[in-house]
Amino acid sequence: KGHIYITSERKLNNNLEKYRLLVPLSDIH
């Protein structure tokens, strides 16, 4: 249905790492 992005404080499994969002911390809102 669309794109998936993940932000995480904990370590991600290898199969989830590809979804990690890299964005400036101050822009999260």
mmCIF file of all heavy atoms, coordinates in Angstrom:
data_MODEL
# 
_entry.id   MODEL 
# 
loop_
_atom_site.group_PDB 
_atom_site.id 
_atom_site.type_symbol 
_atom_site.label_atom_id 
_atom_site.label_alt_id 
_atom_site.label_comp_id 
_atom_site.label_asym_id 
_atom_site.label_entity_id 
_atom_site.label_seq_id 
_atom_site.pdbx_PDB_ins_code 
_atom_site.Cartn_x 
_atom_site.Cartn_y 
_atom_site.Cartn_z 
_atom_site.occupancy 
_atom_site.B_iso_or_equiv 
_atom_site.pdbx_formal_charge 
_atom_site.auth_seq_id 
_atom_site.auth_comp_id 
_atom_site.auth_asym_id 
_atom_site.auth_atom_id 
_atom_site.pdbx_PDB_model_num 
ATOM 1   N N   . LYS A 1 1  ? 0.803  -1.227 0.000  1.00 0.00 ? 1  LYS A N   1 
ATOM 2   C CA  . LYS A 1 1  ? 0.000  0.000  0.000  1.00 0.00 ? 1  LYS A CA  1 
ATOM 3   C C   . LYS A 1 1  ? 0.837  1.277  0.000  1.00 0.00 ? 1  LYS A C   1 
ATOM 4   O O   . LYS A 1 1  ? 0.314  2.376  -0.172 1.00 0.00 ? 1  LYS A O   1 
ATOM 5   C CB  . LYS A 1 1  ? -0.926 0.016  1.233  1.00 0.00 ? 1  LYS A CB  1 
ATOM 6   C CG  . LYS A 1 1  ? -1.811 -1.216 1.336  1.00 0.00 ? 1  LYS A CG  1 
ATOM 7   C CD  . LYS A 1 1  ? -2.688 -1.177 2.564  1.00 0.00 ? 1  LYS A CD  1 
ATOM 8   C CE  . LYS A 1 1  ? -3.430 -2.484 2.800  1.00 0.00 ? 1  LYS A CE  1 
ATOM 9   N NZ  . LYS A 1 1  ? -4.247 -2.891 1.646  1.00 0.00 ? 1  LYS A NZ  1 
ATOM 10  N N   . GLY A 1 2  ? 2.144  1.147  0.239  1.00 0.00 ? 2  GLY A N   1 
ATOM 11  C CA  . GLY A 1 2  ? 2.988  2.336  0.254  1.00 0.00 ? 2  GLY A CA  1 
ATOM 12  C C   . GLY A 1 2  ? 4.386  2.013  0.757  1.00 0.00 ? 2  GLY A C   1 
ATOM 13  O O   . GLY A 1 2  ? 4.765  0.847  0.902  1.00 0.00 ? 2  GLY A O   1 
ATOM 14  N N   . HIS A 1 3  ? 5.143  3.052  1.034  1.00 0.00 ? 3  HIS A N   1 
ATOM 15  C CA  . HIS A 1 3  ? 6.512  2.896  1.523  1.00 0.00 ? 3  HIS A CA  1 
ATOM 16  C C   . HIS A 1 3  ? 6.527  2.758  3.045  1.00 0.00 ? 3  HIS A C   1 
ATOM 17  O O   . HIS A 1 3  ? 5.714  3.378  3.738  1.00 0.00 ? 3  HIS A O   1 
ATOM 18  C CB  . HIS A 1 3  ? 7.362  4.094  1.103  1.00 0.00 ? 3  HIS A CB  1 
ATOM 19  C CG  . HIS A 1 3  ? 7.436  4.297  -0.374 1.00 0.00 ? 3  HIS A CG  1 
ATOM 20  N ND1 . HIS A 1 3  ? 8.032  3.386  -1.217 1.00 0.00 ? 3  HIS A ND1 1 
ATOM 21  C CD2 . HIS A 1 3  ? 6.974  5.299  -1.167 1.00 0.00 ? 3  HIS A CD2 1 
ATOM 22  C CE1 . HIS A 1 3  ? 7.957  3.823  -2.457 1.00 0.00 ? 3  HIS A CE1 1 
ATOM 23  N NE2 . HIS A 1 3  ? 7.313  4.976  -2.456 1.00 0.00 ? 3  HIS A NE2 1 
ATOM 24  N N   . ILE A 1 4  ? 7.457  1.960  3.527  1.00 0.00 ? 4  ILE A N   1 
ATOM 25  C CA  . ILE A 1 4  ? 7.587  1.736  4.965  1.00 0.00 ? 4  ILE A CA  1 
ATOM 26  C C   . ILE A 1 4  ? 8.924  2.291  5.434  1.00 0.00 ? 4  ILE A C   1 
ATOM 27  O O   . ILE A 1 4  ? 9.967  2.045  4.826  1.00 0.00 ? 4  ILE A O   1 
ATOM 28  C CB  . ILE A 1 4  ? 7.499  0.234  5.298  1.00 0.00 ? 4  ILE A CB  1 
ATOM 29  C CG1 . ILE A 1 4  ? 6.112  -0.305 4.949  1.00 0.00 ? 4  ILE A CG1 1 
ATOM 30  C CG2 . ILE A 1 4  ? 7.815  -0.010 6.783  1.00 0.00 ? 4  ILE A CG2 1 
ATOM 31  C CD1 . ILE A 1 4  ? 6.008  -1.809 4.987  1.00 0.00 ? 4  ILE A CD1 1 
ATOM 32  N N   . TYR A 1 5  ? 8.879  3.048  6.529  1.00 0.00 ? 5  TYR A N   1 
ATOM 33  C CA  . TYR A 1 5  ? 10.101 3.577  7.150  1.00 0.00 ? 5  TYR A CA  1 
ATOM 34  C C   . TYR A 1 5  ? 10.078 3.225  8.633  1.00 0.00 ? 5  TYR A C   1 
ATOM 35  O O   . TYR A 1 5  ? 9.008  3.198  9.264  1.00 0.00 ? 5  TYR A O   1 
ATOM 36  C CB  . TYR A 1 5  ? 10.196 5.090  6.981  1.00 0.00 ? 5  TYR A CB  1 
ATOM 37  C CG  . TYR A 1 5  ? 10.284 5.541  5.551  1.00 0.00 ? 5  TYR A CG  1 
ATOM 38  C CD1 . TYR A 1 5  ? 9.186  6.103  4.913  1.00 0.00 ? 5  TYR A CD1 1 
ATOM 39  C CD2 . TYR A 1 5  ? 11.470 5.421  4.837  1.00 0.00 ? 5  TYR A CD2 1 
ATOM 40  C CE1 . TYR A 1 5  ? 9.260  6.526  3.594  1.00 0.00 ? 5  TYR A CE1 1 
ATOM 41  C CE2 . TYR A 1 5  ? 11.560 5.830  3.505  1.00 0.00 ? 5  TYR A CE2 1 
ATOM 42  C CZ  . TYR A 1 5  ? 10.449 6.379  2.893  1.00 0.00 ? 5  TYR A CZ  1 
ATOM 43  O OH  . TYR A 1 5  ? 10.530 6.790  1.590  1.00 0.00 ? 5  TYR A OH  1 
ATOM 44  N N   . ILE A 1 6  ? 11.251 2.967  9.167  1.00 0.00 ? 6  ILE A N   1 
ATOM 45  C CA  . ILE A 1 6  ? 11.374 2.607  10.584 1.00 0.00 ? 6  ILE A CA  1 
ATOM 46  C C   . ILE A 1 6  ? 12.386 3.527  11.258 1.00 0.00 ? 6  ILE A C   1 
ATOM 47  O O   . ILE A 1 6  ? 13.456 3.801  10.706 1.00 0.00 ? 6  ILE A O   1 
ATOM 48  C CB  . ILE A 1 6  ? 11.844 1.144  10.748 1.00 0.00 ? 6  ILE A CB  1 
ATOM 49  C CG1 . ILE A 1 6  ? 10.754 0.173  10.274 1.00 0.00 ? 6  ILE A CG1 1 
ATOM 50  C CG2 . ILE A 1 6  ? 12.202 0.851  12.207 1.00 0.00 ? 6  ILE A CG2 1 
ATOM 51  C CD1 . ILE A 1 6  ? 11.177 -1.289 10.310 1.00 0.00 ? 6  ILE A CD1 1 
ATOM 52  N N   . THR A 1 7  ? 12.043 4.012  12.444 1.00 0.00 ? 7  THR A N   1 
ATOM 53  C CA  . THR A 1 7  ? 13.029 4.623  13.333 1.00 0.00 ? 7  THR A CA  1 
ATOM 54  C C   . THR A 1 7  ? 13.056 3.772  14.588 1.00 0.00 ? 7  THR A C   1 
ATOM 55  O O   . THR A 1 7  ? 12.020 3.296  15.044 1.00 0.00 ? 7  THR A O   1 
ATOM 56  C CB  . THR A 1 7  ? 12.690 6.084  13.690 1.00 0.00 ? 7  THR A CB  1 
ATOM 57  O OG1 . THR A 1 7  ? 11.515 6.113  14.513 1.00 0.00 ? 7  THR A OG1 1 
ATOM 58  C CG2 . THR A 1 7  ? 12.466 6.912  12.443 1.00 0.00 ? 7  THR A CG2 1 
ATOM 59  N N   . SER A 1 8  ? 14.243 3.562  15.136 1.00 0.00 ? 8  SER A N   1 
ATOM 60  C CA  . SER A 1 8  ? 14.354 2.596  16.230 1.00 0.00 ? 8  SER A CA  1 
ATOM 61  C C   . SER A 1 8  ? 15.455 2.954  17.209 1.00 0.00 ? 8  SER A C   1 
ATOM 62  O O   . SER A 1 8  ? 16.556 3.338  16.810 1.00 0.00 ? 8  SER A O   1 
ATOM 63  C CB  . SER A 1 8  ? 14.623 1.198  15.657 1.00 0.00 ? 8  SER A CB  1 
ATOM 64  O OG  . SER A 1 8  ? 14.734 0.250  16.697 1.00 0.00 ? 8  SER A OG  1 
ATOM 65  N N   . GLU A 1 9  ? 15.150 2.831  18.513 1.00 0.00 ? 9  GLU A N   1 
ATOM 66  C CA  . GLU A 1 9  ? 16.158 2.956  19.560 1.00 0.00 ? 9  GLU A CA  1 
ATOM 67  C C   . GLU A 1 9  ? 16.898 1.638  19.749 1.00 0.00 ? 9  GLU A C   1 
ATOM 68  O O   . GLU A 1 9  ? 18.015 1.620  20.236 1.00 0.00 ? 9  GLU A O   1 
ATOM 69  C CB  . GLU A 1 9  ? 15.506 3.347  20.888 1.00 0.00 ? 9  GLU A CB  1 
ATOM 70  C CG  . GLU A 1 9  ? 14.975 4.755  20.943 1.00 0.00 ? 9  GLU A CG  1 
ATOM 71  C CD  . GLU A 1 9  ? 14.307 5.066  22.268 1.00 0.00 ? 9  GLU A CD  1 
ATOM 72  O OE1 . GLU A 1 9  ? 14.049 4.135  23.060 1.00 0.00 ? 9  GLU A OE1 1 
ATOM 73  O OE2 . GLU A 1 9  ? 14.032 6.251  22.515 1.00 0.00 ? 9  GLU A OE2 1 
ATOM 74  N N   . ARG A 1 10 ? 16.237 0.545  19.394 1.00 0.00 ? 10 ARG A N   1 
ATOM 75  C CA  . ARG A 1 10 ? 16.859 -0.763 19.581 1.00 0.00 ? 10 ARG A CA  1 
ATOM 76  C C   . ARG A 1 10 ? 17.436 -1.272 18.265 1.00 0.00 ? 10 ARG A C   1 
ATOM 77  O O   . ARG A 1 10 ? 17.100 -0.785 17.190 1.00 0.00 ? 10 ARG A O   1 
ATOM 78  C CB  . ARG A 1 10 ? 15.847 -1.752 20.147 1.00 0.00 ? 10 ARG A CB  1 
ATOM 79  C CG  . ARG A 1 10 ? 14.682 -2.081 19.230 1.00 0.00 ? 10 ARG A CG  1 
ATOM 80  C CD  . ARG A 1 10 ? 13.693 -3.003 19.923 1.00 0.00 ? 10 ARG A CD  1 
ATOM 81  N NE  . ARG A 1 10 ? 12.715 -3.577 19.026 1.00 0.00 ? 10 ARG A NE  1 
ATOM 82  C CZ  . ARG A 1 10 ? 11.406 -3.443 19.180 1.00 0.00 ? 10 ARG A CZ  1 
ATOM 83  N NH1 . ARG A 1 10 ? 10.917 -2.711 20.163 1.00 0.00 ? 10 ARG A NH1 1 
ATOM 84  N NH2 . ARG A 1 10 ? 10.569 -4.023 18.337 1.00 0.00 ? 10 ARG A NH2 1 
ATOM 85  N N   . LYS A 1 11 ? 18.309 -2.253 18.369 1.00 0.00 ? 11 LYS A N   1 
ATOM 86  C CA  . LYS A 1 11 ? 18.944 -2.825 17.181 1.00 0.00 ? 11 LYS A CA  1 
ATOM 87  C C   . LYS A 1 11 ? 17.895 -3.533 16.329 1.00 0.00 ? 11 LYS A C   1 
ATOM 88  O O   . LYS A 1 11 ? 17.040 -4.248 16.842 1.00 0.00 ? 11 LYS A O   1 
ATOM 89  C CB  . LYS A 1 11 ? 20.034 -3.817 17.599 1.00 0.00 ? 11 LYS A CB  1 
ATOM 90  C CG  . LYS A 1 11 ? 20.837 -4.367 16.440 1.00 0.00 ? 11 LYS A CG  1 
ATOM 91  C CD  . LYS A 1 11 ? 21.955 -5.288 16.912 1.00 0.00 ? 11 LYS A CD  1 
ATOM 92  C CE  . LYS A 1 11 ? 22.745 -5.835 15.746 1.00 0.00 ? 11 LYS A CE  1 
ATOM 93  N NZ  . LYS A 1 11 ? 23.825 -6.754 16.184 1.00 0.00 ? 11 LYS A NZ  1 
ATOM 94  N N   . LEU A 1 12 ? 17.982 -3.318 15.025 1.00 0.00 ? 12 LEU A N   1 
ATOM 95  C CA  . LEU A 1 12 ? 17.033 -3.934 14.107 1.00 0.00 ? 12 LEU A CA  1 
ATOM 96  C C   . LEU A 1 12 ? 17.582 -5.242 13.555 1.00 0.00 ? 12 LEU A C   1 
ATOM 97  O O   . LEU A 1 12 ? 18.788 -5.378 13.351 1.00 0.00 ? 12 LEU A O   1 
ATOM 98  C CB  . LEU A 1 12 ? 16.732 -2.998 12.929 1.00 0.00 ? 12 LEU A CB  1 
ATOM 99  C CG  . LEU A 1 12 ? 15.994 -1.693 13.261 1.00 0.00 ? 12 LEU A CG  1 
ATOM 100 C CD1 . LEU A 1 12 ? 15.860 -0.844 11.995 1.00 0.00 ? 12 LEU A CD1 1 
ATOM 101 C CD2 . LEU A 1 12 ? 14.622 -1.969 13.856 1.00 0.00 ? 12 LEU A CD2 1 
ATOM 102 N N   . ASN A 1 13 ? 16.680 -6.192 13.304 1.00 0.00 ? 13 ASN A N   1 
ATOM 103 C CA  . ASN A 1 13 ? 17.075 -7.409 12.596 1.00 0.00 ? 13 ASN A CA  1 
ATOM 104 C C   . ASN A 1 13 ? 17.549 -7.030 11.189 1.00 0.00 ? 13 ASN A C   1 
ATOM 105 O O   . ASN A 1 13 ? 17.136 -6.013 10.629 1.00 0.00 ? 13 ASN A O   1 
ATOM 106 C CB  . ASN A 1 13 ? 15.891 -8.374 12.492 1.00 0.00 ? 13 ASN A CB  1 
ATOM 107 C CG  . ASN A 1 13 ? 15.438 -8.864 13.856 1.00 0.00 ? 13 ASN A CG  1 
ATOM 108 O OD1 . ASN A 1 13 ? 16.203 -8.837 14.818 1.00 0.00 ? 13 ASN A OD1 1 
ATOM 109 N ND2 . ASN A 1 13 ? 14.188 -9.296 13.944 1.00 0.00 ? 13 ASN A ND2 1 
ATOM 110 N N   . ASN A 1 14 ? 18.392 -7.865 10.612 1.00 0.00 ? 14 ASN A N   1 
ATOM 111 C CA  . ASN A 1 14 ? 18.954 -7.564 9.294  1.00 0.00 ? 14 ASN A CA  1 
ATOM 112 C C   . ASN A 1 14 ? 17.882 -7.324 8.242  1.00 0.00 ? 14 ASN A C   1 
ATOM 113 O O   . ASN A 1 14 ? 18.025 -6.456 7.373  1.00 0.00 ? 14 ASN A O   1 
ATOM 114 C CB  . ASN A 1 14 ? 19.873 -8.709 8.844  1.00 0.00 ? 14 ASN A CB  1 
ATOM 115 C CG  . ASN A 1 14 ? 21.154 -8.763 9.660  1.00 0.00 ? 14 ASN A CG  1 
ATOM 116 O OD1 . ASN A 1 14 ? 21.560 -7.769 10.244 1.00 0.00 ? 14 ASN A OD1 1 
ATOM 117 N ND2 . ASN A 1 14 ? 21.786 -9.922 9.707  1.00 0.00 ? 14 ASN A ND2 1 
ATOM 118 N N   . ASN A 1 15 ? 16.780 -8.075 8.326  1.00 0.00 ? 15 ASN A N   1 
ATOM 119 C CA  . ASN A 1 15 ? 15.730 -7.930 7.313  1.00 0.00 ? 15 ASN A CA  1 
ATOM 120 C C   . ASN A 1 15 ? 14.915 -6.647 7.482  1.00 0.00 ? 15 ASN A C   1 
ATOM 121 O O   . ASN A 1 15 ? 14.156 -6.270 6.593  1.00 0.00 ? 15 ASN A O   1 
ATOM 122 C CB  . ASN A 1 15 ? 14.795 -9.143 7.334  1.00 0.00 ? 15 ASN A CB  1 
ATOM 123 C CG  . ASN A 1 15 ? 14.120 -9.335 8.674  1.00 0.00 ? 15 ASN A CG  1 
ATOM 124 O OD1 . ASN A 1 15 ? 14.718 -9.089 9.724  1.00 0.00 ? 15 ASN A OD1 1 
ATOM 125 N ND2 . ASN A 1 15 ? 12.871 -9.775 8.661  1.00 0.00 ? 15 ASN A ND2 1 
ATOM 126 N N   . LEU A 1 16 ? 15.075 -5.960 8.637  1.00 0.00 ? 16 LEU A N   1 
ATOM 127 C CA  . LEU A 1 16 ? 14.361 -4.704 8.869  1.00 0.00 ? 16 LEU A CA  1 
ATOM 128 C C   . LEU A 1 16 ? 15.247 -3.484 8.636  1.00 0.00 ? 16 LEU A C   1 
ATOM 129 O O   . LEU A 1 16 ? 14.738 -2.369 8.471  1.00 0.00 ? 16 LEU A O   1 
ATOM 130 C CB  . LEU A 1 16 ? 13.815 -4.661 10.298 1.00 0.00 ? 16 LEU A CB  1 
ATOM 131 C CG  . LEU A 1 16 ? 12.769 -5.710 10.678 1.00 0.00 ? 16 LEU A CG  1 
ATOM 132 C CD1 . LEU A 1 16 ? 12.348 -5.525 12.131 1.00 0.00 ? 16 LEU A CD1 1 
ATOM 133 C CD2 . LEU A 1 16 ? 11.549 -5.630 9.760  1.00 0.00 ? 16 LEU A CD2 1 
ATOM 134 N N   . GLU A 1 17 ? 16.544 -3.691 8.618  1.00 0.00 ? 17 GLU A N   1 
ATOM 135 C CA  . GLU A 1 17 ? 17.474 -2.575 8.521  1.00 0.00 ? 17 GLU A CA  1 
ATOM 136 C C   . GLU A 1 17 ? 17.247 -1.758 7.241  1.00 0.00 ? 17 GLU A C   1 
ATOM 137 O O   . GLU A 1 17 ? 17.458 -0.532 7.224  1.00 0.00 ? 17 GLU A O   1 
ATOM 138 C CB  . GLU A 1 17 ? 18.912 -3.098 8.563  1.00 0.00 ? 17 GLU A CB  1 
ATOM 139 C CG  . GLU A 1 17 ? 19.963 -2.028 8.720  1.00 0.00 ? 17 GLU A CG  1 
ATOM 140 C CD  . GLU A 1 17 ? 19.858 -1.245 10.015 1.00 0.00 ? 17 GLU A CD  1 
ATOM 141 O OE1 . GLU A 1 17 ? 19.622 -1.864 11.071 1.00 0.00 ? 17 GLU A OE1 1 
ATOM 142 O OE2 . GLU A 1 17 ? 19.994 -0.005 9.962  1.00 0.00 ? 17 GLU A OE2 1 
ATOM 143 N N   . LYS A 1 18 ? 16.804 -2.409 6.177  1.00 0.00 ? 18 LYS A N   1 
ATOM 144 C CA  . LYS A 1 18 ? 16.595 -1.702 4.907  1.00 0.00 ? 18 LYS A CA  1 
ATOM 145 C C   . LYS A 1 18 ? 15.480 -0.658 4.994  1.00 0.00 ? 18 LYS A C   1 
ATOM 146 O O   . LYS A 1 18 ? 15.383 0.234  4.138  1.00 0.00 ? 18 LYS A O   1 
ATOM 147 C CB  . LYS A 1 18 ? 16.276 -2.701 3.794  1.00 0.00 ? 18 LYS A CB  1 
ATOM 148 C CG  . LYS A 1 18 ? 14.981 -3.475 4.012  1.00 0.00 ? 18 LYS A CG  1 
ATOM 149 C CD  . LYS A 1 18 ? 14.764 -4.519 2.914  1.00 0.00 ? 18 LYS A CD  1 
ATOM 150 C CE  . LYS A 1 18 ? 13.499 -5.334 3.174  1.00 0.00 ? 18 LYS A CE  1 
ATOM 151 N NZ  . LYS A 1 18 ? 13.300 -6.379 2.140  1.00 0.00 ? 18 LYS A NZ  1 
ATOM 152 N N   . TYR A 1 19 ? 14.637 -0.766 6.021  1.00 0.00 ? 19 TYR A N   1 
ATOM 153 C CA  . TYR A 1 19 ? 13.538 0.187  6.182  1.00 0.00 ? 19 TYR A CA  1 
ATOM 154 C C   . TYR A 1 19 ? 13.923 1.380  7.064  1.00 0.00 ? 19 TYR A C   1 
ATOM 155 O O   . TYR A 1 19 ? 13.136 2.316  7.208  1.00 0.00 ? 19 TYR A O   1 
ATOM 156 C CB  . TYR A 1 19 ? 12.320 -0.497 6.824  1.00 0.00 ? 19 TYR A CB  1 
ATOM 157 C CG  . TYR A 1 19 ? 11.726 -1.616 6.014  1.00 0.00 ? 19 TYR A CG  1 
ATOM 158 C CD1 . TYR A 1 19 ? 11.869 -2.951 6.420  1.00 0.00 ? 19 TYR A CD1 1 
ATOM 159 C CD2 . TYR A 1 19 ? 11.012 -1.359 4.847  1.00 0.00 ? 19 TYR A CD2 1 
ATOM 160 C CE1 . TYR A 1 19 ? 11.316 -3.985 5.691  1.00 0.00 ? 19 TYR A CE1 1 
ATOM 161 C CE2 . TYR A 1 19 ? 10.452 -2.386 4.102  1.00 0.00 ? 19 TYR A CE2 1 
ATOM 162 C CZ  . TYR A 1 19 ? 10.608 -3.708 4.528  1.00 0.00 ? 19 TYR A CZ  1 
ATOM 163 O OH  . TYR A 1 19 ? 10.057 -4.731 3.805  1.00 0.00 ? 19 TYR A OH  1 
ATOM 164 N N   . ARG A 1 20 ? 15.115 1.334  7.651  1.00 0.00 ? 20 ARG A N   1 
ATOM 165 C CA  . ARG A 1 20 ? 15.498 2.399  8.586  1.00 0.00 ? 20 ARG A CA  1 
ATOM 166 C C   . ARG A 1 20 ? 15.541 3.755  7.871  1.00 0.00 ? 20 ARG A C   1 
ATOM 167 O O   . ARG A 1 20 ? 16.125 3.898  6.791  1.00 0.00 ? 20 ARG A O   1 
ATOM 168 C CB  . ARG A 1 20 ? 16.869 2.119  9.201  1.00 0.00 ? 20 ARG A CB  1 
ATOM 169 C CG  . ARG A 1 20 ? 17.241 3.141  10.295 1.00 0.00 ? 20 ARG A CG  1 
ATOM 170 C CD  . ARG A 1 20 ? 18.650 2.937  10.786 1.00 0.00 ? 20 ARG A CD  1 
ATOM 171 N NE  . ARG A 1 20 ? 18.801 1.716  11.569 1.00 0.00 ? 20 ARG A NE  1 
ATOM 172 C CZ  . ARG A 1 20 ? 18.538 1.636  12.874 1.00 0.00 ? 20 ARG A CZ  1 
ATOM 173 N NH1 . ARG A 1 20 ? 18.104 2.704  13.527 1.00 0.00 ? 20 ARG A NH1 1 
ATOM 174 N NH2 . ARG A 1 20 ? 18.728 0.503  13.511 1.00 0.00 ? 20 ARG A NH2 1 
ATOM 175 N N   . LEU A 1 21 ? 14.929 4.750  8.499  1.00 0.00 ? 21 LEU A N   1 
ATOM 176 C CA  . LEU A 1 21 ? 14.886 6.099  7.941  1.00 0.00 ? 21 LEU A CA  1 
ATOM 177 C C   . LEU A 1 21 ? 16.055 6.920  8.476  1.00 0.00 ? 21 LEU A C   1 
ATOM 178 O O   . LEU A 1 21 ? 16.238 7.047  9.684  1.00 0.00 ? 21 LEU A O   1 
ATOM 179 C CB  . LEU A 1 21 ? 13.563 6.773  8.322  1.00 0.00 ? 21 LEU A CB  1 
ATOM 180 C CG  . LEU A 1 21 ? 13.407 8.235  7.906  1.00 0.00 ? 21 LEU A CG  1 
ATOM 181 C CD1 . LEU A 1 21 ? 13.430 8.358  6.384  1.00 0.00 ? 21 LEU A CD1 1 
ATOM 182 C CD2 . LEU A 1 21 ? 12.118 8.818  8.477  1.00 0.00 ? 21 LEU A CD2 1 
ATOM 183 N N   . LEU A 1 22 ? 16.841 7.465  7.579  1.00 0.00 ? 22 LEU A N   1 
ATOM 184 C CA  . LEU A 1 22 ? 17.950 8.338  7.944  1.00 0.00 ? 22 LEU A CA  1 
ATOM 185 C C   . LEU A 1 22 ? 17.546 9.774  7.636  1.00 0.00 ? 22 LEU A C   1 
ATOM 186 O O   . LEU A 1 22 ? 17.486 10.184 6.474  1.00 0.00 ? 22 LEU A O   1 
ATOM 187 C CB  . LEU A 1 22 ? 19.212 7.948  7.168  1.00 0.00 ? 22 LEU A CB  1 
ATOM 188 C CG  . LEU A 1 22 ? 19.706 6.514  7.412  1.00 0.00 ? 22 LEU A CG  1 
ATOM 189 C CD1 . LEU A 1 22 ? 20.898 6.195  6.526  1.00 0.00 ? 22 LEU A CD1 1 
ATOM 190 C CD2 . LEU A 1 22 ? 20.067 6.306  8.883  1.00 0.00 ? 22 LEU A CD2 1 
ATOM 191 N N   . VAL A 1 23 ? 17.235 10.530 8.677  1.00 0.00 ? 23 VAL A N   1 
ATOM 192 C CA  . VAL A 1 23 ? 16.741 11.888 8.542  1.00 0.00 ? 23 VAL A CA  1 
ATOM 193 C C   . VAL A 1 23 ? 17.297 12.695 9.710  1.00 0.00 ? 23 VAL A C   1 
ATOM 194 O O   . VAL A 1 23 ? 17.530 12.137 10.793 1.00 0.00 ? 23 VAL A O   1 
ATOM 195 C CB  . VAL A 1 23 ? 15.193 11.893 8.536  1.00 0.00 ? 23 VAL A CB  1 
ATOM 196 C CG1 . VAL A 1 23 ? 14.644 11.403 9.856  1.00 0.00 ? 23 VAL A CG1 1 
ATOM 197 C CG2 . VAL A 1 23 ? 14.620 13.253 8.196  1.00 0.00 ? 23 VAL A CG2 1 
ATOM 198 N N   . PRO A 1 24 ? 17.560 13.999 9.544  1.00 0.00 ? 24 PRO A N   1 
ATOM 199 C CA  . PRO A 1 24 ? 18.017 14.794 10.686 1.00 0.00 ? 24 PRO A CA  1 
ATOM 200 C C   . PRO A 1 24 ? 17.079 14.642 11.884 1.00 0.00 ? 24 PRO A C   1 
ATOM 201 O O   . PRO A 1 24 ? 15.854 14.665 11.732 1.00 0.00 ? 24 PRO A O   1 
ATOM 202 C CB  . PRO A 1 24 ? 17.999 16.222 10.139 1.00 0.00 ? 24 PRO A CB  1 
ATOM 203 C CG  . PRO A 1 24 ? 18.228 16.066 8.678  1.00 0.00 ? 24 PRO A CG  1 
ATOM 204 C CD  . PRO A 1 24 ? 17.514 14.795 8.305  1.00 0.00 ? 24 PRO A CD  1 
ATOM 205 N N   . LEU A 1 25 ? 17.656 14.482 13.047 1.00 0.00 ? 25 LEU A N   1 
ATOM 206 C CA  . LEU A 1 25 ? 16.856 14.207 14.242 1.00 0.00 ? 25 LEU A CA  1 
ATOM 207 C C   . LEU A 1 25 ? 15.829 15.300 14.512 1.00 0.00 ? 25 LEU A C   1 
ATOM 208 O O   . LEU A 1 25 ? 14.709 15.024 14.973 1.00 0.00 ? 25 LEU A O   1 
ATOM 209 C CB  . LEU A 1 25 ? 17.788 14.060 15.446 1.00 0.00 ? 25 LEU A CB  1 
ATOM 210 C CG  . LEU A 1 25 ? 18.844 12.963 15.328 1.00 0.00 ? 25 LEU A CG  1 
ATOM 211 C CD1 . LEU A 1 25 ? 19.829 13.038 16.482 1.00 0.00 ? 25 LEU A CD1 1 
ATOM 212 C CD2 . LEU A 1 25 ? 18.182 11.591 15.273 1.00 0.00 ? 25 LEU A CD2 1 
ATOM 213 N N   . SER A 1 26 ? 16.204 16.531 14.228 1.00 0.00 ? 26 SER A N   1 
ATOM 214 C CA  . SER A 1 26 ? 15.307 17.652 14.518 1.00 0.00 ? 26 SER A CA  1 
ATOM 215 C C   . SER A 1 26 ? 14.118 17.721 13.560 1.00 0.00 ? 26 SER A C   1 
ATOM 216 O O   . SER A 1 26 ? 13.199 18.514 13.765 1.00 0.00 ? 26 SER A O   1 
ATOM 217 C CB  . SER A 1 26 ? 16.083 18.971 14.468 1.00 0.00 ? 26 SER A CB  1 
ATOM 218 O OG  . SER A 1 26 ? 16.742 19.114 13.231 1.00 0.00 ? 26 SER A OG  1 
ATOM 219 N N   . ASP A 1 27 ? 14.113 16.884 12.506 1.00 0.00 ? 27 ASP A N   1 
ATOM 220 C CA  . ASP A 1 27 ? 13.026 16.911 11.516 1.00 0.00 ? 27 ASP A CA  1 
ATOM 221 C C   . ASP A 1 27 ? 12.003 15.797 11.721 1.00 0.00 ? 27 ASP A C   1 
ATOM 222 O O   . ASP A 1 27 ? 11.081 15.649 10.915 1.00 0.00 ? 27 ASP A O   1 
ATOM 223 C CB  . ASP A 1 27 ? 13.601 16.797 10.102 1.00 0.00 ? 27 ASP A CB  1 
ATOM 224 C CG  . ASP A 1 27 ? 14.271 18.076 9.642  1.00 0.00 ? 27 ASP A CG  1 
ATOM 225 O OD1 . ASP A 1 27 ? 13.966 19.143 10.214 1.00 0.00 ? 27 ASP A OD1 1 
ATOM 226 O OD2 . ASP A 1 27 ? 15.105 18.014 8.721  1.00 0.00 ? 27 ASP A OD2 1 
ATOM 227 N N   . ILE A 1 28 ? 12.142 15.025 12.774 1.00 0.00 ? 28 ILE A N   1 
ATOM 228 C CA  . ILE A 1 28 ? 11.290 13.838 12.927 1.00 0.00 ? 28 ILE A CA  1 
ATOM 229 C C   . ILE A 1 28 ? 9.807  14.196 13.037 1.00 0.00 ? 28 ILE A C   1 
ATOM 230 O O   . ILE A 1 28 ? 8.937  13.459 12.555 1.00 0.00 ? 28 ILE A O   1 
ATOM 231 C CB  . ILE A 1 28 ? 11.737 12.983 14.136 1.00 0.00 ? 28 ILE A CB  1 
ATOM 232 C CG1 . ILE A 1 28 ? 11.032 11.620 14.113 1.00 0.00 ? 28 ILE A CG1 1 
ATOM 233 C CG2 . ILE A 1 28 ? 11.489 13.714 15.449 1.00 0.00 ? 28 ILE A CG2 1 
ATOM 234 C CD1 . ILE A 1 28 ? 11.338 10.774 12.897 1.00 0.00 ? 28 ILE A CD1 1 
ATOM 235 N N   . HIS A 1 29 ? 9.486  15.340 13.634 1.00 0.00 ? 29 HIS A N   1 
ATOM 236 C CA  . HIS A 1 29 ? 8.069  15.696 13.761 1.00 0.00 ? 29 HIS A CA  1 
ATOM 237 C C   . HIS A 1 29 ? 7.458  16.075 12.407 1.00 0.00 ? 29 HIS A C   1 
ATOM 238 O O   . HIS A 1 29 ? 6.253  15.903 12.196 1.00 0.00 ? 29 HIS A O   1 
ATOM 239 C CB  . HIS A 1 29 ? 7.889  16.824 14.782 1.00 0.00 ? 29 HIS A CB  1 
ATOM 240 C CG  . HIS A 1 29 ? 8.264  16.417 16.164 1.00 0.00 ? 29 HIS A CG  1 
ATOM 241 N ND1 . HIS A 1 29 ? 9.321  16.977 16.841 1.00 0.00 ? 29 HIS A ND1 1 
ATOM 242 C CD2 . HIS A 1 29 ? 7.752  15.468 16.984 1.00 0.00 ? 29 HIS A CD2 1 
ATOM 243 C CE1 . HIS A 1 29 ? 9.440  16.401 18.027 1.00 0.00 ? 29 HIS A CE1 1 
ATOM 244 N NE2 . HIS A 1 29 ? 8.503  15.489 18.136 1.00 0.00 ? 29 HIS A NE2 1 
# 
